[in-house]
């Protein structure tokens, strides 16, 4: 995936990975994502993986908030 972007953009993407959804609750999932990304980035690249506070419902809450905003009308 990172090959689709220039080096500056791919570095920014790799340092700002946000995980959400029920699958995030699988033991070791975030570590696995970080390790997979690290294997596909240059040596000593900055990798940042964060997990939603409530992975199951945060995406729904964000979509509901957007749907009720003027921006979505």
PDB file of N, CA and C in Angstrom:
ATOM      1  N   UNK A   1       0.805  -1.174   0.000  1.00  0.00           N
ATOM      2  CA  UNK A   1       0.000   0.000   0.000  1.00  0.00           C
ATOM      3  C   UNK A   1       0.867   1.264   0.000  1.00  0.00           C
ATOM      4  N   UNK A   2       1.920   1.262   0.764  1.00  0.00           N
ATOM      5  CA  UNK A   2       2.764   2.454   0.876  1.00  0.00           C
ATOM      6  C   UNK A   2       3.423   2.831  -0.443  1.00  0.00           C
ATOM      7  N   UNK A   3       3.587   1.857  -1.317  1.00  0.00           N
ATOM      8  CA  UNK A   3       4.233   2.137  -2.601  1.00  0.00           C
ATOM      9  C   UNK A   3       3.398   3.051  -3.498  1.00  0.00           C
ATOM     10  N   UNK A   4       2.140   3.234  -3.184  1.00  0.00           N
ATOM     11  CA  UNK A   4       1.262   4.112  -3.966  1.00  0.00           C
ATOM     12  C   UNK A   4       1.503   5.593  -3.670  1.00  0.00           C
ATOM     13  N   UNK A   5       2.280   5.873  -2.641  1.00  0.00           N
ATOM     14  CA  UNK A   5       2.495   7.244  -2.186  1.00  0.00           C
ATOM     15  C   UNK A   5       3.975   7.599  -2.261  1.00  0.00           C
ATOM     16  N   UNK A   6       4.252   8.906  -2.304  1.00  0.00           N
ATOM     17  CA  UNK A   6       5.663   9.305  -2.277  1.00  0.00           C
ATOM     18  C   UNK A   6       6.215   9.051  -0.878  1.00  0.00           C
ATOM     19  N   UNK A   7       7.514   9.177  -0.716  1.00  0.00           N
ATOM     20  CA  UNK A   7       8.147   8.803   0.558  1.00  0.00           C
ATOM     21  C   UNK A   7       7.655   9.642   1.739  1.00  0.00           C
ATOM     22  N   UNK A   8       7.407  10.920   1.507  1.00  0.00           N
ATOM     23  CA  UNK A   8       6.915  11.779   2.589  1.00  0.00           C
ATOM     24  C   UNK A   8       5.507  11.370   3.014  1.00  0.00           C
ATOM     25  N   UNK A   9       4.650  11.117   2.046  1.00  0.00           N
ATOM     26  CA  UNK A   9       3.273  10.715   2.358  1.00  0.00           C
ATOM     27  C   UNK A   9       3.235   9.346   3.040  1.00  0.00           C
ATOM     28  N   UNK A  10       4.020   8.407   2.547  1.00  0.00           N
ATOM     29  CA  UNK A  10       4.005   7.071   3.144  1.00  0.00           C
ATOM     30  C   UNK A  10       4.572   7.090   4.565  1.00  0.00           C
ATOM     31  N   UNK A  11       5.543   7.939   4.827  1.00  0.00           N
ATOM     32  CA  UNK A  11       6.072   8.069   6.190  1.00  0.00           C
ATOM     33  C   UNK A  11       4.996   8.622   7.123  1.00  0.00           C
ATOM     34  N   UNK A  12       4.234   9.594   6.642  1.00  0.00           N
ATOM     35  CA  UNK A  12       3.147  10.165   7.442  1.00  0.00           C
ATOM     36  C   UNK A  12       2.072   9.114   7.713  1.00  0.00           C
ATOM     37  N   UNK A  13       1.708   8.361   6.702  1.00  0.00           N
ATOM     38  CA  UNK A  13       0.709   7.305   6.879  1.00  0.00           C
ATOM     39  C   UNK A  13       1.179   6.259   7.886  1.00  0.00           C
ATOM     40  N   UNK A  14       2.415   5.812   7.769  1.00  0.00           N
ATOM     41  CA  UNK A  14       2.944   4.773   8.652  1.00  0.00           C
ATOM     42  C   UNK A  14       3.024   5.244  10.101  1.00  0.00           C
ATOM     43  N   UNK A  15       3.157   6.524  10.302  1.00  0.00           N
ATOM     44  CA  UNK A  15       3.273   7.031  11.671  1.00  0.00           C
ATOM     45  C   UNK A  15       1.922   7.377  12.289  1.00  0.00           C
ATOM     46  N   UNK A  16       0.838   7.204  11.520  1.00  0.00           N
ATOM     47  CA  UNK A  16      -0.505   7.566  11.999  1.00  0.00           C
ATOM     48  C   UNK A  16      -1.542   6.510  11.642  1.00  0.00           C
ATOM     49  N   UNK A  17      -1.332   5.279  12.058  1.00  0.00           N
ATOM     50  CA  UNK A  17      -2.271   4.194  11.773  1.00  0.00           C
ATOM     51  C   UNK A  17      -3.268   4.113  12.924  1.00  0.00           C
ATOM     52  N   UNK A  18      -4.551   4.173  12.580  1.00  0.00           N
ATOM     53  CA  UNK A  18      -5.623   4.131  13.578  1.00  0.00           C
ATOM     54  C   UNK A  18      -6.471   2.897  13.337  1.00  0.00           C
ATOM     55  N   UNK A  19      -6.602   2.053  14.348  1.00  0.00           N
ATOM     56  CA  UNK A  19      -7.348   0.809  14.234  1.00  0.00           C
ATOM     57  C   UNK A  19      -8.682   0.914  14.946  1.00  0.00           C
ATOM     58  N   UNK A  20      -9.727   0.469  14.278  1.00  0.00           N
ATOM     59  CA  UNK A  20     -11.057   0.441  14.882  1.00  0.00           C
ATOM     60  C   UNK A  20     -11.817  -0.738  14.305  1.00  0.00           C
ATOM     61  N   UNK A  21     -12.897  -1.116  14.948  1.00  0.00           N
ATOM     62  CA  UNK A  21     -13.692  -2.268  14.521  1.00  0.00           C
ATOM     63  C   UNK A  21     -13.476  -3.443  15.459  1.00  0.00           C
ATOM     64  N   UNK A  22     -14.402  -4.376  15.441  1.00  0.00           N
ATOM     65  CA  UNK A  22     -14.363  -5.509  16.361  1.00  0.00           C
ATOM     66  C   UNK A  22     -13.106  -6.351  16.272  1.00  0.00           C
ATOM     67  N   UNK A  23     -12.522  -6.467  15.082  1.00  0.00           N
ATOM     68  CA  UNK A  23     -11.322  -7.274  14.912  1.00  0.00           C
ATOM     69  C   UNK A  23     -10.129  -6.785  15.710  1.00  0.00           C
ATOM     70  N   UNK A  24     -10.155  -5.509  16.056  1.00  0.00           N
ATOM     71  CA  UNK A  24      -9.051  -4.923  16.830  1.00  0.00           C
ATOM     72  C   UNK A  24      -8.946  -5.582  18.206  1.00  0.00           C
ATOM     73  N   UNK A  25     -10.041  -6.159  18.685  1.00  0.00           N
ATOM     74  CA  UNK A  25     -10.046  -6.789  20.009  1.00  0.00           C
ATOM     75  C   UNK A  25      -9.362  -8.150  20.030  1.00  0.00           C
ATOM     76  N   UNK A  26      -8.975  -8.671  18.886  1.00  0.00           N
ATOM     77  CA  UNK A  26      -8.266  -9.950  18.843  1.00  0.00           C
ATOM     78  C   UNK A  26      -6.894  -9.756  19.499  1.00  0.00           C
ATOM     79  N   UNK A  27      -6.571 -10.655  20.412  1.00  0.00           N
ATOM     80  CA  UNK A  27      -5.284 -10.558  21.119  1.00  0.00           C
ATOM     81  C   UNK A  27      -4.129 -10.458  20.131  1.00  0.00           C
ATOM     82  N   UNK A  28      -3.295  -9.453  20.315  1.00  0.00           N
ATOM     83  CA  UNK A  28      -2.098  -9.277  19.511  1.00  0.00           C
ATOM     84  C   UNK A  28      -2.324  -8.624  18.158  1.00  0.00           C
ATOM     85  N   UNK A  29      -3.552  -8.200  17.856  1.00  0.00           N
ATOM     86  CA  UNK A  29      -3.845  -7.636  16.536  1.00  0.00           C
ATOM     87  C   UNK A  29      -3.040  -6.373  16.257  1.00  0.00           C
ATOM     88  N   UNK A  30      -3.045  -5.429  17.181  1.00  0.00           N
ATOM     89  CA  UNK A  30      -2.332  -4.168  16.945  1.00  0.00           C
ATOM     90  C   UNK A  30      -0.825  -4.403  16.827  1.00  0.00           C
ATOM     91  N   UNK A  31      -0.301  -5.335  17.604  1.00  0.00           N
ATOM     92  CA  UNK A  31       1.119  -5.678  17.504  1.00  0.00           C
ATOM     93  C   UNK A  31       1.414  -6.292  16.146  1.00  0.00           C
ATOM     94  N   UNK A  32       0.524  -7.137  15.678  1.00  0.00           N
ATOM     95  CA  UNK A  32       0.702  -7.769  14.363  1.00  0.00           C
ATOM     96  C   UNK A  32       0.707  -6.721  13.261  1.00  0.00           C
ATOM     97  N   UNK A  33      -0.233  -5.767  13.327  1.00  0.00           N
ATOM     98  CA  UNK A  33      -0.275  -4.699  12.322  1.00  0.00           C
ATOM     99  C   UNK A  33       1.026  -3.911  12.352  1.00  0.00           C
ATOM    100  N   UNK A  34       1.466  -3.535  13.534  1.00  0.00           N
ATOM    101  CA  UNK A  34       2.715  -2.776  13.652  1.00  0.00           C
ATOM    102  C   UNK A  34       3.893  -3.559  13.073  1.00  0.00           C
ATOM    103  N   UNK A  35       3.984  -4.838  13.395  1.00  0.00           N
ATOM    104  CA  UNK A  35       5.084  -5.662  12.883  1.00  0.00           C
ATOM    105  C   UNK A  35       5.032  -5.796  11.366  1.00  0.00           C
ATOM    106  N   UNK A  36       3.833  -5.975  10.812  1.00  0.00           N
ATOM    107  CA  UNK A  36       3.683  -6.096   9.361  1.00  0.00           C
ATOM    108  C   UNK A  36       4.087  -4.800   8.656  1.00  0.00           C
ATOM    109  N   UNK A  37       3.682  -3.680   9.222  1.00  0.00           N
ATOM    110  CA  UNK A  37       4.039  -2.385   8.636  1.00  0.00           C
ATOM    111  C   UNK A  37       5.551  -2.183   8.731  1.00  0.00           C
ATOM    112  N   UNK A  38       6.118  -2.502   9.878  1.00  0.00           N
ATOM    113  CA  UNK A  38       7.557  -2.330  10.087  1.00  0.00           C
ATOM    114  C   UNK A  38       8.370  -3.136   9.065  1.00  0.00           C
ATOM    115  N   UNK A  39       7.888  -4.323   8.720  1.00  0.00           N
ATOM    116  CA  UNK A  39       8.601  -5.166   7.749  1.00  0.00           C
ATOM    117  C   UNK A  39       8.563  -4.572   6.339  1.00  0.00           C
ATOM    118  N   UNK A  40       7.610  -3.676   6.093  1.00  0.00           N
ATOM    119  CA  UNK A  40       7.456  -3.101   4.761  1.00  0.00           C
ATOM    120  C   UNK A  40       7.899  -1.648   4.658  1.00  0.00           C
ATOM    121  N   UNK A  41       8.556  -1.171   5.686  1.00  0.00           N
ATOM    122  CA  UNK A  41       9.043   0.209   5.709  1.00  0.00           C
ATOM    123  C   UNK A  41      10.565   0.201   5.812  1.00  0.00           C
ATOM    124  N   UNK A  42      11.210   1.293   5.428  1.00  0.00           N
ATOM    125  CA  UNK A  42      12.668   1.361   5.578  1.00  0.00           C
ATOM    126  C   UNK A  42      13.089   1.202   7.039  1.00  0.00           C
ATOM    127  N   UNK A  43      14.303   0.709   7.228  1.00  0.00           N
ATOM    128  CA  UNK A  43      14.864   0.504   8.557  1.00  0.00           C
ATOM    129  C   UNK A  43      14.752   1.769   9.398  1.00  0.00           C
ATOM    130  N   UNK A  44      14.333   1.611  10.628  1.00  0.00           N
ATOM    131  CA  UNK A  44      14.178   2.681  11.623  1.00  0.00           C
ATOM    132  C   UNK A  44      13.111   3.715  11.257  1.00  0.00           C
ATOM    133  N   UNK A  45      12.152   3.329  10.432  1.00  0.00           N
ATOM    134  CA  UNK A  45      11.031   4.225  10.130  1.00  0.00           C
ATOM    135  C   UNK A  45      10.175   4.401  11.379  1.00  0.00           C
ATOM    136  N   UNK A  46       9.575   5.556  11.500  1.00  0.00           N
ATOM    137  CA  UNK A  46       8.656   5.830  12.599  1.00  0.00           C
ATOM    138  C   UNK A  46       7.323   5.151  12.291  1.00  0.00           C
ATOM    139  N   UNK A  47       6.879   4.276  13.190  1.00  0.00           N
ATOM    140  CA  UNK A  47       5.612   3.573  13.027  1.00  0.00           C
ATOM    141  C   UNK A  47       4.737   3.943  14.216  1.00  0.00           C
ATOM    142  N   UNK A  48       3.527   4.372  13.952  1.00  0.00           N
ATOM    143  CA  UNK A  48       2.605   4.719  15.028  1.00  0.00           C
ATOM    144  C   UNK A  48       1.272   4.028  14.830  1.00  0.00           C
ATOM    145  N   UNK A  49       0.914   3.151  15.764  1.00  0.00           N
ATOM    146  CA  UNK A  49      -0.357   2.430  15.705  1.00  0.00           C
ATOM    147  C   UNK A  49      -1.130   2.753  16.970  1.00  0.00           C
ATOM    148  N   UNK A  50      -2.347   3.245  16.803  1.00  0.00           N
ATOM    149  CA  UNK A  50      -3.203   3.503  17.963  1.00  0.00           C
ATOM    150  C   UNK A  50      -4.542   2.812  17.756  1.00  0.00           C
ATOM    151  N   UNK A  51      -5.189   2.498  18.859  1.00  0.00           N
ATOM    152  CA  UNK A  51      -6.450   1.760  18.837  1.00  0.00           C
ATOM    153  C   UNK A  51      -7.554   2.662  19.390  1.00  0.00           C
ATOM    154  N   UNK A  52      -8.728   2.592  18.775  1.00  0.00           N
ATOM    155  CA  UNK A  52      -9.884   3.364  19.238  1.00  0.00           C
ATOM    156  C   UNK A  52     -10.196   3.026  20.694  1.00  0.00           C
ATOM    157  N   UNK A  53     -10.712   3.999  21.420  1.00  0.00           N
ATOM    158  CA  UNK A  53     -11.100   3.762  22.814  1.00  0.00           C
ATOM    159  C   UNK A  53     -12.147   2.667  22.919  1.00  0.00           C
ATOM    160  N   UNK A  54     -13.109   2.674  22.012  1.00  0.00           N
ATOM    161  CA  UNK A  54     -14.170   1.673  21.972  1.00  0.00           C
ATOM    162  C   UNK A  54     -14.259   1.170  20.534  1.00  0.00           C
ATOM    163  N   UNK A  55     -13.400   0.224  20.163  1.00  0.00           N
ATOM    164  CA  UNK A  55     -13.283  -0.175  18.763  1.00  0.00           C
ATOM    165  C   UNK A  55     -14.580  -0.648  18.116  1.00  0.00           C
ATOM    166  N   UNK A  56     -15.481  -1.199  18.898  1.00  0.00           N
ATOM    167  CA  UNK A  56     -16.715  -1.730  18.318  1.00  0.00           C
ATOM    168  C   UNK A  56     -17.684  -0.612  17.938  1.00  0.00           C
ATOM    169  N   UNK A  57     -17.781   0.428  18.756  1.00  0.00           N
ATOM    170  CA  UNK A  57     -18.788   1.453  18.510  1.00  0.00           C
ATOM    171  C   UNK A  57     -18.259   2.809  18.054  1.00  0.00           C
ATOM    172  N   UNK A  58     -16.966   3.059  18.140  1.00  0.00           N
ATOM    173  CA  UNK A  58     -16.444   4.378  17.765  1.00  0.00           C
ATOM    174  C   UNK A  58     -16.716   4.741  16.312  1.00  0.00           C
ATOM    175  N   UNK A  59     -16.582   3.794  15.396  1.00  0.00           N
ATOM    176  CA  UNK A  59     -16.857   4.082  13.986  1.00  0.00           C
ATOM    177  C   UNK A  59     -18.322   4.446  13.798  1.00  0.00           C
ATOM    178  N   UNK A  60     -19.217   3.733  14.469  1.00  0.00           N
ATOM    179  CA  UNK A  60     -20.638   4.042  14.378  1.00  0.00           C
ATOM    180  C   UNK A  60     -20.917   5.438  14.936  1.00  0.00           C
ATOM    181  N   UNK A  61     -20.324   5.744  16.073  1.00  0.00           N
ATOM    182  CA  UNK A  61     -20.534   7.067  16.675  1.00  0.00           C
ATOM    183  C   UNK A  61     -20.063   8.183  15.740  1.00  0.00           C
ATOM    184  N   UNK A  62     -18.926   7.989  15.110  1.00  0.00           N
ATOM    185  CA  UNK A  62     -18.420   8.989  14.172  1.00  0.00           C
ATOM    186  C   UNK A  62     -19.345   9.149  12.980  1.00  0.00           C
ATOM    187  N   UNK A  63     -19.834   8.039  12.439  1.00  0.00           N
ATOM    188  CA  UNK A  63     -20.756   8.094  11.296  1.00  0.00           C
ATOM    189  C   UNK A  63     -22.066   8.738  11.698  1.00  0.00           C
ATOM    190  N   UNK A  64     -22.573   8.430  12.882  1.00  0.00           N
ATOM    191  CA  UNK A  64     -23.818   9.021  13.356  1.00  0.00           C
ATOM    192  C   UNK A  64     -23.667  10.518  13.561  1.00  0.00           C
ATOM    193  N   UNK A  65     -22.534  10.926  14.096  1.00  0.00           N
ATOM    194  CA  UNK A  65     -22.271  12.343  14.304  1.00  0.00           C
ATOM    195  C   UNK A  65     -22.203  13.075  12.977  1.00  0.00           C
ATOM    196  N   UNK A  66     -21.529  12.492  11.999  1.00  0.00           N
ATOM    197  CA  UNK A  66     -21.438  13.103  10.680  1.00  0.00           C
ATOM    198  C   UNK A  66     -22.810  13.174  10.016  1.00  0.00           C
ATOM    199  N   UNK A  67     -23.594  12.090  10.125  1.00  0.00           N
ATOM    200  CA  UNK A  67     -24.922  12.037   9.495  1.00  0.00           C
ATOM    201  C   UNK A  67     -25.846  13.100  10.040  1.00  0.00           C
ATOM    202  N   UNK A  68     -25.673  13.462  11.297  1.00  0.00           N
ATOM    203  CA  UNK A  68     -26.552  14.468  11.887  1.00  0.00           C
ATOM    204  C   UNK A  68     -26.006  15.893  11.754  1.00  0.00           C
ATOM    205  N   UNK A  69     -24.861  16.031  11.110  1.00  0.00           N
ATOM    206  CA  UNK A  69     -24.269  17.353  10.946  1.00  0.00           C
ATOM    207  C   UNK A  69     -24.790  18.053   9.682  1.00  0.00           C
ATOM    208  N   UNK A  70     -24.646  19.351   9.656  1.00  0.00           N
ATOM    209  CA  UNK A  70     -25.028  20.125   8.461  1.00  0.00           C
ATOM    210  C   UNK A  70     -24.160  19.757   7.269  1.00  0.00           C
ATOM    211  N   UNK A  71     -22.941  19.370   7.528  1.00  0.00           N
ATOM    212  CA  UNK A  71     -21.989  19.027   6.490  1.00  0.00           C
ATOM    213  C   UNK A  71     -22.480  17.868   5.615  1.00  0.00           C
ATOM    214  N   UNK A  72     -23.253  16.957   6.197  1.00  0.00           N
ATOM    215  CA  UNK A  72     -23.717  15.785   5.441  1.00  0.00           C
ATOM    216  C   UNK A  72     -24.998  16.040   4.671  1.00  0.00           C
ATOM    217  N   UNK A  73     -25.600  17.177   4.859  1.00  0.00           N
ATOM    218  CA  UNK A  73     -26.894  17.471   4.206  1.00  0.00           C
ATOM    219  C   UNK A  73     -26.722  17.858   2.762  1.00  0.00           C
TER     220      UNK A  73
END
